[in-house]
């Protein structure tokens, strides 16, 4: 009776069978590393690249946005 009660308890509740979601696959970053650069220079170069990417994304958003001067 105990085994049937345990089985019914696990199989009778669909939400108990849902389980956990699988974690997303690891993201592989494609970074071109220059072996001739020091750690400090790599840090500065990464900062410059991030700032450039941010600047480009802001320019793209500004281009998509509406101009306030053109609205009457």
PDB file of N, CA and C in Angstrom:
ATOM      1  N   UNK A   1       0.826  -1.202   0.000  1.00  0.00           N
ATOM      2  CA  UNK A   1       0.000   0.000   0.000  1.00  0.00           C
ATOM      3  C   UNK A   1       0.866   1.262   0.000  1.00  0.00           C
ATOM      4  N   UNK A   2       1.999   1.198   0.634  1.00  0.00           N
ATOM      5  CA  UNK A   2       2.881   2.349   0.707  1.00  0.00           C
ATOM      6  C   UNK A   2       3.463   2.668  -0.663  1.00  0.00           C
ATOM      7  N   UNK A   3       3.863   1.664  -1.394  1.00  0.00           N
ATOM      8  CA  UNK A   3       4.447   1.886  -2.720  1.00  0.00           C
ATOM      9  C   UNK A   3       3.409   2.469  -3.671  1.00  0.00           C
ATOM     10  N   UNK A   4       2.171   2.001  -3.599  1.00  0.00           N
ATOM     11  CA  UNK A   4       1.145   2.535  -4.494  1.00  0.00           C
ATOM     12  C   UNK A   4       0.785   3.970  -4.104  1.00  0.00           C
ATOM     13  N   UNK A   5       0.809   4.267  -2.825  1.00  0.00           N
ATOM     14  CA  UNK A   5       0.524   5.629  -2.375  1.00  0.00           C
ATOM     15  C   UNK A   5       1.607   6.601  -2.801  1.00  0.00           C
ATOM     16  N   UNK A   6       2.852   6.180  -2.741  1.00  0.00           N
ATOM     17  CA  UNK A   6       3.973   7.018  -3.169  1.00  0.00           C
ATOM     18  C   UNK A   6       3.938   7.222  -4.675  1.00  0.00           C
ATOM     19  N   UNK A   7       3.654   6.158  -5.407  1.00  0.00           N
ATOM     20  CA  UNK A   7       3.575   6.247  -6.871  1.00  0.00           C
ATOM     21  C   UNK A   7       2.446   7.175  -7.273  1.00  0.00           C
ATOM     22  N   UNK A   8       1.315   7.049  -6.646  1.00  0.00           N
ATOM     23  CA  UNK A   8       0.185   7.914  -6.989  1.00  0.00           C
ATOM     24  C   UNK A   8       0.501   9.369  -6.633  1.00  0.00           C
ATOM     25  N   UNK A   9       1.209   9.580  -5.553  1.00  0.00           N
ATOM     26  CA  UNK A   9       1.572  10.930  -5.148  1.00  0.00           C
ATOM     27  C   UNK A   9       2.497  11.592  -6.154  1.00  0.00           C
ATOM     28  N   UNK A  10       3.395  10.840  -6.767  1.00  0.00           N
ATOM     29  CA  UNK A  10       4.320  11.409  -7.739  1.00  0.00           C
ATOM     30  C   UNK A  10       3.697  11.511  -9.133  1.00  0.00           C
ATOM     31  N   UNK A  11       2.938  10.510  -9.528  1.00  0.00           N
ATOM     32  CA  UNK A  11       2.382  10.493 -10.879  1.00  0.00           C
ATOM     33  C   UNK A  11       1.055  11.226 -10.982  1.00  0.00           C
ATOM     34  N   UNK A  12       0.382  11.419  -9.878  1.00  0.00           N
ATOM     35  CA  UNK A  12      -0.927  12.047  -9.899  1.00  0.00           C
ATOM     36  C   UNK A  12      -0.882  13.561 -10.003  1.00  0.00           C
ATOM     37  N   UNK A  13       0.286  14.179  -9.818  1.00  0.00           N
ATOM     38  CA  UNK A  13       0.402  15.632  -9.835  1.00  0.00           C
ATOM     39  C   UNK A  13       1.298  16.056 -10.990  1.00  0.00           C
ATOM     40  N   UNK A  14       0.730  16.565 -12.077  1.00  0.00           N
ATOM     41  CA  UNK A  14       1.549  16.930 -13.236  1.00  0.00           C
ATOM     42  C   UNK A  14       2.546  18.048 -12.928  1.00  0.00           C
ATOM     43  N   UNK A  15       2.202  18.988 -12.045  1.00  0.00           N
ATOM     44  CA  UNK A  15       3.131  20.071 -11.754  1.00  0.00           C
ATOM     45  C   UNK A  15       4.368  19.565 -11.014  1.00  0.00           C
ATOM     46  N   UNK A  16       4.254  18.425 -10.344  1.00  0.00           N
ATOM     47  CA  UNK A  16       5.413  17.845  -9.671  1.00  0.00           C
ATOM     48  C   UNK A  16       6.376  17.221 -10.678  1.00  0.00           C
ATOM     49  N   UNK A  17       5.889  16.906 -11.867  1.00  0.00           N
ATOM     50  CA  UNK A  17       6.713  16.270 -12.885  1.00  0.00           C
ATOM     51  C   UNK A  17       7.403  17.281 -13.792  1.00  0.00           C
ATOM     52  N   UNK A  18       7.080  18.550 -13.634  1.00  0.00           N
ATOM     53  CA  UNK A  18       7.577  19.561 -14.565  1.00  0.00           C
ATOM     54  C   UNK A  18       9.099  19.631 -14.582  1.00  0.00           C
ATOM     55  N   UNK A  19       9.727  19.564 -13.463  1.00  0.00           N
ATOM     56  CA  UNK A  19      11.189  19.613 -13.415  1.00  0.00           C
ATOM     57  C   UNK A  19      11.724  21.008 -13.647  1.00  0.00           C
ATOM     58  N   UNK A  20      13.019  21.115 -13.629  1.00  0.00           N
ATOM     59  CA  UNK A  20      13.650  22.415 -13.798  1.00  0.00           C
ATOM     60  C   UNK A  20      13.995  22.650 -15.255  1.00  0.00           C
ATOM     61  N   UNK A  21      14.064  23.916 -15.628  1.00  0.00           N
ATOM     62  CA  UNK A  21      14.480  24.265 -16.980  1.00  0.00           C
ATOM     63  C   UNK A  21      15.975  24.050 -17.113  1.00  0.00           C
ATOM     64  N   UNK A  22      16.393  23.705 -18.310  1.00  0.00           N
ATOM     65  CA  UNK A  22      17.815  23.531 -18.555  1.00  0.00           C
ATOM     66  C   UNK A  22      18.472  24.898 -18.630  1.00  0.00           C
ATOM     67  N   UNK A  23      19.695  25.022 -18.159  1.00  0.00           N
ATOM     68  CA  UNK A  23      20.385  26.310 -18.262  1.00  0.00           C
ATOM     69  C   UNK A  23      20.708  26.607 -19.724  1.00  0.00           C
ATOM     70  N   UNK A  24      20.811  27.880 -20.084  1.00  0.00           N
ATOM     71  CA  UNK A  24      21.130  28.227 -21.468  1.00  0.00           C
ATOM     72  C   UNK A  24      22.533  27.753 -21.814  1.00  0.00           C
ATOM     73  N   UNK A  25      22.770  27.499 -23.081  1.00  0.00           N
ATOM     74  CA  UNK A  25      24.115  27.060 -23.463  1.00  0.00           C
ATOM     75  C   UNK A  25      25.125  28.169 -23.215  1.00  0.00           C
ATOM     76  N   UNK A  26      26.348  27.824 -22.908  1.00  0.00           N
ATOM     77  CA  UNK A  26      27.350  28.855 -22.639  1.00  0.00           C
ATOM     78  C   UNK A  26      27.620  29.690 -23.889  1.00  0.00           C
ATOM     79  N   UNK A  27      27.773  30.976 -23.670  1.00  0.00           N
ATOM     80  CA  UNK A  27      28.022  31.900 -24.769  1.00  0.00           C
ATOM     81  C   UNK A  27      29.519  31.966 -25.008  1.00  0.00           C
ATOM     82  N   UNK A  28      29.899  31.738 -26.244  1.00  0.00           N
ATOM     83  CA  UNK A  28      31.311  31.793 -26.577  1.00  0.00           C
ATOM     84  C   UNK A  28      31.634  33.177 -27.117  1.00  0.00           C
ATOM     85  N   UNK A  29      32.531  33.854 -26.441  1.00  0.00           N
ATOM     86  CA  UNK A  29      32.924  35.184 -26.877  1.00  0.00           C
ATOM     87  C   UNK A  29      34.071  35.046 -27.866  1.00  0.00           C
ATOM     88  N   UNK A  30      33.927  35.741 -28.970  1.00  0.00           N
ATOM     89  CA  UNK A  30      34.982  35.728 -29.973  1.00  0.00           C
ATOM     90  C   UNK A  30      35.809  36.997 -29.807  1.00  0.00           C
ATOM     91  N   UNK A  31      36.826  36.893 -29.004  1.00  0.00           N
ATOM     92  CA  UNK A  31      37.680  38.035 -28.723  1.00  0.00           C
ATOM     93  C   UNK A  31      39.036  37.778 -29.359  1.00  0.00           C
ATOM     94  N   UNK A  32      39.475  38.742 -30.115  1.00  0.00           N
ATOM     95  CA  UNK A  32      40.787  38.635 -30.715  1.00  0.00           C
ATOM     96  C   UNK A  32      41.813  39.146 -29.706  1.00  0.00           C
ATOM     97  N   UNK A  33      42.549  38.221 -29.143  1.00  0.00           N
ATOM     98  CA  UNK A  33      43.538  38.607 -28.145  1.00  0.00           C
ATOM     99  C   UNK A  33      44.889  38.772 -28.820  1.00  0.00           C
ATOM    100  N   UNK A  34      45.525  39.842 -28.502  1.00  0.00           N
ATOM    101  CA  UNK A  34      46.869  40.063 -28.997  1.00  0.00           C
ATOM    102  C   UNK A  34      47.830  39.673 -27.883  1.00  0.00           C
ATOM    103  N   UNK A  35      48.619  38.669 -28.138  1.00  0.00           N
ATOM    104  CA  UNK A  35      49.531  38.159 -27.107  1.00  0.00           C
ATOM    105  C   UNK A  35      50.620  39.165 -26.746  1.00  0.00           C
ATOM    106  N   UNK A  36      50.835  40.163 -27.611  1.00  0.00           N
ATOM    107  CA  UNK A  36      51.872  41.142 -27.346  1.00  0.00           C
ATOM    108  C   UNK A  36      51.446  42.238 -26.394  1.00  0.00           C
ATOM    109  N   UNK A  37      50.160  42.303 -26.047  1.00  0.00           N
ATOM    110  CA  UNK A  37      49.672  43.365 -25.170  1.00  0.00           C
ATOM    111  C   UNK A  37      49.735  42.930 -23.713  1.00  0.00           C
ATOM    112  N   UNK A  38      50.015  43.875 -22.859  1.00  0.00           N
ATOM    113  CA  UNK A  38      49.993  43.586 -21.425  1.00  0.00           C
ATOM    114  C   UNK A  38      48.536  43.540 -20.957  1.00  0.00           C
ATOM    115  N   UNK A  39      48.320  43.073 -19.748  1.00  0.00           N
ATOM    116  CA  UNK A  39      46.972  42.991 -19.186  1.00  0.00           C
ATOM    117  C   UNK A  39      46.348  44.380 -19.089  1.00  0.00           C
ATOM    118  N   UNK A  40      47.159  45.363 -18.741  1.00  0.00           N
ATOM    119  CA  UNK A  40      46.654  46.733 -18.632  1.00  0.00           C
ATOM    120  C   UNK A  40      46.218  47.251 -20.000  1.00  0.00           C
ATOM    121  N   UNK A  41      47.043  47.007 -21.030  1.00  0.00           N
ATOM    122  CA  UNK A  41      46.698  47.464 -22.379  1.00  0.00           C
ATOM    123  C   UNK A  41      45.446  46.757 -22.898  1.00  0.00           C
ATOM    124  N   UNK A  42      45.296  45.465 -22.572  1.00  0.00           N
ATOM    125  CA  UNK A  42      44.089  44.740 -22.972  1.00  0.00           C
ATOM    126  C   UNK A  42      42.860  45.324 -22.288  1.00  0.00           C
ATOM    127  N   UNK A  43      43.002  45.719 -21.041  1.00  0.00           N
ATOM    128  CA  UNK A  43      41.895  46.330 -20.291  1.00  0.00           C
ATOM    129  C   UNK A  43      41.498  47.656 -20.932  1.00  0.00           C
ATOM    130  N   UNK A  44      42.479  48.478 -21.297  1.00  0.00           N
ATOM    131  CA  UNK A  44      42.203  49.762 -21.937  1.00  0.00           C
ATOM    132  C   UNK A  44      41.553  49.548 -23.295  1.00  0.00           C
ATOM    133  N   UNK A  45      42.053  48.579 -24.074  1.00  0.00           N
ATOM    134  CA  UNK A  45      41.494  48.291 -25.386  1.00  0.00           C
ATOM    135  C   UNK A  45      40.049  47.807 -25.271  1.00  0.00           C
ATOM    136  N   UNK A  46      39.752  46.978 -24.286  1.00  0.00           N
ATOM    137  CA  UNK A  46      38.388  46.504 -24.068  1.00  0.00           C
ATOM    138  C   UNK A  46      37.470  47.662 -23.708  1.00  0.00           C
ATOM    139  N   UNK A  47      37.960  48.595 -22.897  1.00  0.00           N
ATOM    140  CA  UNK A  47      37.167  49.759 -22.519  1.00  0.00           C
ATOM    141  C   UNK A  47      36.855  50.621 -23.741  1.00  0.00           C
ATOM    142  N   UNK A  48      37.857  50.812 -24.592  1.00  0.00           N
ATOM    143  CA  UNK A  48      37.651  51.604 -25.810  1.00  0.00           C
ATOM    144  C   UNK A  48      36.630  50.932 -26.716  1.00  0.00           C
ATOM    145  N   UNK A  49      36.710  49.609 -26.842  1.00  0.00           N
ATOM    146  CA  UNK A  49      35.755  48.875 -27.688  1.00  0.00           C
ATOM    147  C   UNK A  49      34.336  48.983 -27.138  1.00  0.00           C
ATOM    148  N   UNK A  50      34.188  48.887 -25.817  1.00  0.00           N
ATOM    149  CA  UNK A  50      32.847  49.018 -25.220  1.00  0.00           C
ATOM    150  C   UNK A  50      32.274  50.408 -25.456  1.00  0.00           C
ATOM    151  N   UNK A  51      33.107  51.426 -25.283  1.00  0.00           N
ATOM    152  CA  UNK A  51      32.637  52.803 -25.496  1.00  0.00           C
ATOM    153  C   UNK A  51      32.236  53.025 -26.945  1.00  0.00           C
ATOM    154  N   UNK A  52      33.000  52.465 -27.879  1.00  0.00           N
ATOM    155  CA  UNK A  52      32.684  52.603 -29.301  1.00  0.00           C
ATOM    156  C   UNK A  52      31.368  51.901 -29.625  1.00  0.00           C
ATOM    157  N   UNK A  53      31.169  50.704 -29.069  1.00  0.00           N
ATOM    158  CA  UNK A  53      29.926  49.970 -29.298  1.00  0.00           C
ATOM    159  C   UNK A  53      28.739  50.741 -28.716  1.00  0.00           C
ATOM    160  N   UNK A  54      28.911  51.332 -27.554  1.00  0.00           N
ATOM    161  CA  UNK A  54      27.848  52.125 -26.935  1.00  0.00           C
ATOM    162  C   UNK A  54      27.531  53.352 -27.784  1.00  0.00           C
ATOM    163  N   UNK A  55      28.573  54.016 -28.278  1.00  0.00           N
ATOM    164  CA  UNK A  55      28.374  55.199 -29.108  1.00  0.00           C
ATOM    165  C   UNK A  55      27.611  54.839 -30.396  1.00  0.00           C
ATOM    166  N   UNK A  56      27.972  53.712 -31.010  1.00  0.00           N
ATOM    167  CA  UNK A  56      27.290  53.288 -32.237  1.00  0.00           C
ATOM    168  C   UNK A  56      25.831  52.924 -31.965  1.00  0.00           C
ATOM    169  N   UNK A  57      25.564  52.275 -30.840  1.00  0.00           N
ATOM    170  CA  UNK A  57      24.186  51.909 -30.534  1.00  0.00           C
ATOM    171  C   UNK A  57      23.338  53.150 -30.249  1.00  0.00           C
ATOM    172  N   UNK A  58      23.915  54.147 -29.606  1.00  0.00           N
ATOM    173  CA  UNK A  58      23.181  55.384 -29.330  1.00  0.00           C
ATOM    174  C   UNK A  58      22.893  56.130 -30.628  1.00  0.00           C
ATOM    175  N   UNK A  59      23.871  56.160 -31.532  1.00  0.00           N
ATOM    176  CA  UNK A  59      23.642  56.803 -32.825  1.00  0.00           C
ATOM    177  C   UNK A  59      22.523  56.108 -33.591  1.00  0.00           C
ATOM    178  N   UNK A  60      22.482  54.789 -33.535  1.00  0.00           N
ATOM    179  CA  UNK A  60      21.419  54.041 -34.203  1.00  0.00           C
ATOM    180  C   UNK A  60      20.059  54.333 -33.611  1.00  0.00           C
ATOM    181  N   UNK A  61      19.992  54.456 -32.291  1.00  0.00           N
ATOM    182  CA  UNK A  61      18.734  54.761 -31.635  1.00  0.00           C
ATOM    183  C   UNK A  61      18.284  56.177 -31.957  1.00  0.00           C
ATOM    184  N   UNK A  62      19.227  57.102 -32.040  1.00  0.00           N
ATOM    185  CA  UNK A  62      18.882  58.475 -32.392  1.00  0.00           C
ATOM    186  C   UNK A  62      18.354  58.548 -33.816  1.00  0.00           C
ATOM    187  N   UNK A  63      18.935  57.760 -34.705  1.00  0.00           N
ATOM    188  CA  UNK A  63      18.486  57.759 -36.093  1.00  0.00           C
ATOM    189  C   UNK A  63      17.068  57.205 -36.205  1.00  0.00           C
ATOM    190  N   UNK A  64      16.712  56.242 -35.373  1.00  0.00           N
ATOM    191  CA  UNK A  64      15.375  55.650 -35.394  1.00  0.00           C
ATOM    192  C   UNK A  64      14.352  56.575 -34.753  1.00  0.00           C
ATOM    193  N   UNK A  65      14.782  57.368 -33.783  1.00  0.00           N
ATOM    194  CA  UNK A  65      13.870  58.204 -33.013  1.00  0.00           C
ATOM    195  C   UNK A  65      13.313  59.371 -33.807  1.00  0.00           C
ATOM    196  N   UNK A  66      12.246  59.956 -33.278  1.00  0.00           N
ATOM    197  CA  UNK A  66      11.614  61.118 -33.914  1.00  0.00           C
ATOM    198  C   UNK A  66      12.289  62.393 -33.440  1.00  0.00           C
ATOM    199  N   UNK A  67      12.371  63.335 -34.313  1.00  0.00           N
ATOM    200  CA  UNK A  67      12.934  64.628 -33.969  1.00  0.00           C
ATOM    201  C   UNK A  67      11.869  65.476 -33.289  1.00  0.00           C
ATOM    202  N   UNK A  68      12.204  66.139 -32.214  1.00  0.00           N
ATOM    203  CA  UNK A  68      11.237  66.983 -31.525  1.00  0.00           C
ATOM    204  C   UNK A  68      10.982  68.277 -32.300  1.00  0.00           C
ATOM    205  N   UNK A  69      11.974  68.757 -33.039  1.00  0.00           N
ATOM    206  CA  UNK A  69      11.838  70.001 -33.784  1.00  0.00           C
ATOM    207  C   UNK A  69      10.889  69.840 -34.976  1.00  0.00           C
ATOM    208  N   UNK A  70      10.781  68.647 -35.524  1.00  0.00           N
ATOM    209  CA  UNK A  70       9.933  68.443 -36.707  1.00  0.00           C
ATOM    210  C   UNK A  70       8.449  68.340 -36.343  1.00  0.00           C
ATOM    211  N   UNK A  71       8.119  68.055 -35.089  1.00  0.00           N
ATOM    212  CA  UNK A  71       6.722  67.952 -34.686  1.00  0.00           C
ATOM    213  C   UNK A  71       6.141  69.343 -34.418  1.00  0.00           C
ATOM    214  N   UNK A  72       5.006  69.677 -35.039  1.00  0.00           N
ATOM    215  CA  UNK A  72       4.422  70.999 -34.811  1.00  0.00           C
ATOM    216  C   UNK A  72       3.728  71.121 -33.484  1.00  0.00           C
TER     217      UNK A  72
END
